[in-house]
Amino acid sequence: MKKTILALIAVTAIWYTINTDSNELQAFENKVYQCDGRQYCSQMTSCEEATFFINNCPNTKMDGNNDGVPCEKQWCGYK
């Protein structure tokens, strides 16, 4: 009986972990950005958003050293 309960708890924990991770990933992938004239890091809210803007929008000013990584001091910095 104890083994059955422990197995049930383990399966539930695994299911919860997989389901939670899938939902978080899906929410991340469903974010929609669009070019709206913003050009500067101070106008961004995340590294993901800044990356979208430098890759898809004209006249951005977010990659001062031209290495392809935007907003290194504000959002996309290496820690």
C-alpha atoms as a PDB file:
ATOM      1  CA  MET A   1       0.000   0.000   0.000  1.00  0.00           C
ATOM      2  CA  LYS A   2       2.814   2.420   0.882  1.00  0.00           C
ATOM      3  CA  LYS A   3       4.538   1.710  -2.436  1.00  0.00           C
ATOM      4  CA  THR A   4       1.332   2.454  -4.328  1.00  0.00           C
ATOM      5  CA  ILE A   5       0.846   5.749  -2.527  1.00  0.00           C
ATOM      6  CA  LEU A   6       4.468   6.744  -3.087  1.00  0.00           C
ATOM      7  CA  ALA A   7       4.214   5.819  -6.765  1.00  0.00           C
ATOM      8  CA  LEU A   8       1.019   7.851  -7.092  1.00  0.00           C
ATOM      9  CA  ILE A   9       2.671  10.855  -5.428  1.00  0.00           C
ATOM     10  CA  ALA A  10       5.697  10.546  -7.717  1.00  0.00           C
ATOM     11  CA  VAL A  11       3.551  10.334 -10.855  1.00  0.00           C
ATOM     12  CA  THR A  12       1.497  13.329  -9.728  1.00  0.00           C
ATOM     13  CA  ALA A  13       4.653  15.353  -9.034  1.00  0.00           C
ATOM     14  CA  ILE A  14       6.115  14.468 -12.425  1.00  0.00           C
ATOM     15  CA  TRP A  15       2.849  15.307 -14.204  1.00  0.00           C
ATOM     16  CA  TYR A  16       2.624  18.642 -12.387  1.00  0.00           C
ATOM     17  CA  THR A  17       6.225  19.524 -13.281  1.00  0.00           C
ATOM     18  CA  ILE A  18       5.763  18.642 -16.950  1.00  0.00           C
ATOM     19  CA  ASN A  19       2.428  20.440 -17.172  1.00  0.00           C
ATOM     20  CA  THR A  20       3.735  23.571 -15.440  1.00  0.00           C
ATOM     21  CA  ASP A  21       6.845  23.741 -17.633  1.00  0.00           C
ATOM     22  CA  SER A  22       4.758  23.265 -20.785  1.00  0.00           C
ATOM     23  CA  ASN A  23       2.400  26.069 -19.825  1.00  0.00           C
ATOM     24  CA  GLU A  24       5.260  28.443 -19.065  1.00  0.00           C
ATOM     25  CA  LEU A  25       6.974  27.600 -22.351  1.00  0.00           C
ATOM     26  CA  GLN A  26       3.747  28.048 -24.264  1.00  0.00           C
ATOM     27  CA  ALA A  27       3.143  31.442 -22.676  1.00  0.00           C
ATOM     28  CA  PHE A  28       6.692  32.460 -23.597  1.00  0.00           C
ATOM     29  CA  GLU A  29       6.273  31.356 -27.201  1.00  0.00           C
ATOM     30  CA  ASN A  30       2.902  33.077 -27.569  1.00  0.00           C
ATOM     31  CA  LYS A  31       4.215  36.563 -26.807  1.00  0.00           C
ATOM     32  CA  VAL A  32       3.597  38.769 -29.785  1.00  0.00           C
ATOM     33  CA  TYR A  33       5.743  41.793 -30.511  1.00  0.00           C
ATOM     34  CA  GLN A  34       5.352  44.260 -33.313  1.00  0.00           C
ATOM     35  CA  CYS A  35       7.443  47.112 -34.616  1.00  0.00           C
ATOM     36  CA  ASP A  36       5.914  50.250 -33.176  1.00  0.00           C
ATOM     37  CA  GLY A  37       8.662  52.821 -33.526  1.00  0.00           C
ATOM     38  CA  ARG A  38      10.491  52.120 -30.282  1.00  0.00           C
ATOM     39  CA  GLN A  39      14.254  52.253 -30.763  1.00  0.00           C
ATOM     40  CA  TYR A  40      15.956  52.352 -27.360  1.00  0.00           C
ATOM     41  CA  CYS A  41      16.659  49.885 -24.562  1.00  0.00           C
ATOM     42  CA  SER A  42      14.873  52.124 -22.091  1.00  0.00           C
ATOM     43  CA  GLN A  43      11.694  51.456 -24.063  1.00  0.00           C
ATOM     44  CA  MET A  44      12.004  47.657 -23.828  1.00  0.00           C
ATOM     45  CA  THR A  45      10.713  45.384 -21.083  1.00  0.00           C
ATOM     46  CA  SER A  46      12.887  42.289 -21.621  1.00  0.00           C
ATOM     47  CA  CYS A  47      15.834  40.841 -23.503  1.00  0.00           C
ATOM     48  CA  GLU A  48      13.409  38.821 -25.611  1.00  0.00           C
ATOM     49  CA  GLU A  49      11.592  41.979 -26.673  1.00  0.00           C
ATOM     50  CA  ALA A  50      14.811  43.850 -27.433  1.00  0.00           C
ATOM     51  CA  THR A  51      16.081  40.927 -29.493  1.00  0.00           C
ATOM     52  CA  PHE A  52      12.872  40.868 -31.501  1.00  0.00           C
ATOM     53  CA  PHE A  53      13.201  44.585 -32.190  1.00  0.00           C
ATOM     54  CA  ILE A  54      16.826  44.526 -33.391  1.00  0.00           C
ATOM     55  CA  ASN A  55      16.109  41.503 -35.596  1.00  0.00           C
ATOM     56  CA  ASN A  56      12.853  42.737 -37.108  1.00  0.00           C
ATOM     57  CA  CYS A  57      12.422  46.499 -36.819  1.00  0.00           C
ATOM     58  CA  PRO A  58      14.167  49.386 -38.592  1.00  0.00           C
ATOM     59  CA  ASN A  59      16.261  52.117 -36.989  1.00  0.00           C
ATOM     60  CA  THR A  60      16.843  50.493 -33.610  1.00  0.00           C
ATOM     61  CA  LYS A  61      19.596  51.864 -31.432  1.00  0.00           C
ATOM     62  CA  MET A  62      20.107  49.000 -28.997  1.00  0.00           C
ATOM     63  CA  ASP A  63      23.375  47.368 -30.026  1.00  0.00           C
ATOM     64  CA  GLY A  64      26.110  49.912 -29.468  1.00  0.00           C
ATOM     65  CA  ASN A  65      28.998  47.528 -30.097  1.00  0.00           C
ATOM     66  CA  ASN A  66      27.324  45.786 -33.077  1.00  0.00           C
ATOM     67  CA  ASP A  67      27.773  42.284 -31.667  1.00  0.00           C
ATOM     68  CA  GLY A  68      24.153  41.282 -32.250  1.00  0.00           C
ATOM     69  CA  VAL A  69      23.260  41.352 -28.551  1.00  0.00           C
ATOM     70  CA  PRO A  70      20.925  44.232 -27.696  1.00  0.00           C
ATOM     71  CA  CYS A  71      20.683  46.088 -24.399  1.00  0.00           C
ATOM     72  CA  GLU A  72      23.614  44.360 -22.729  1.00  0.00           C
ATOM     73  CA  LYS A  73      23.614  46.724 -19.762  1.00  0.00           C
ATOM     74  CA  GLN A  74      19.857  46.727 -19.208  1.00  0.00           C
ATOM     75  CA  TRP A  75      18.361  43.412 -20.360  1.00  0.00           C
ATOM     76  CA  CYS A  76      20.656  40.986 -22.146  1.00  0.00           C
ATOM     77  CA  GLY A  77      23.798  41.315 -20.076  1.00  0.00           C
ATOM     78  CA  TYR A  78      25.905  38.362 -19.125  1.00  0.00           C
ATOM     79  CA  LYS A  79      25.995  37.548 -15.445  1.00  0.00           C
END
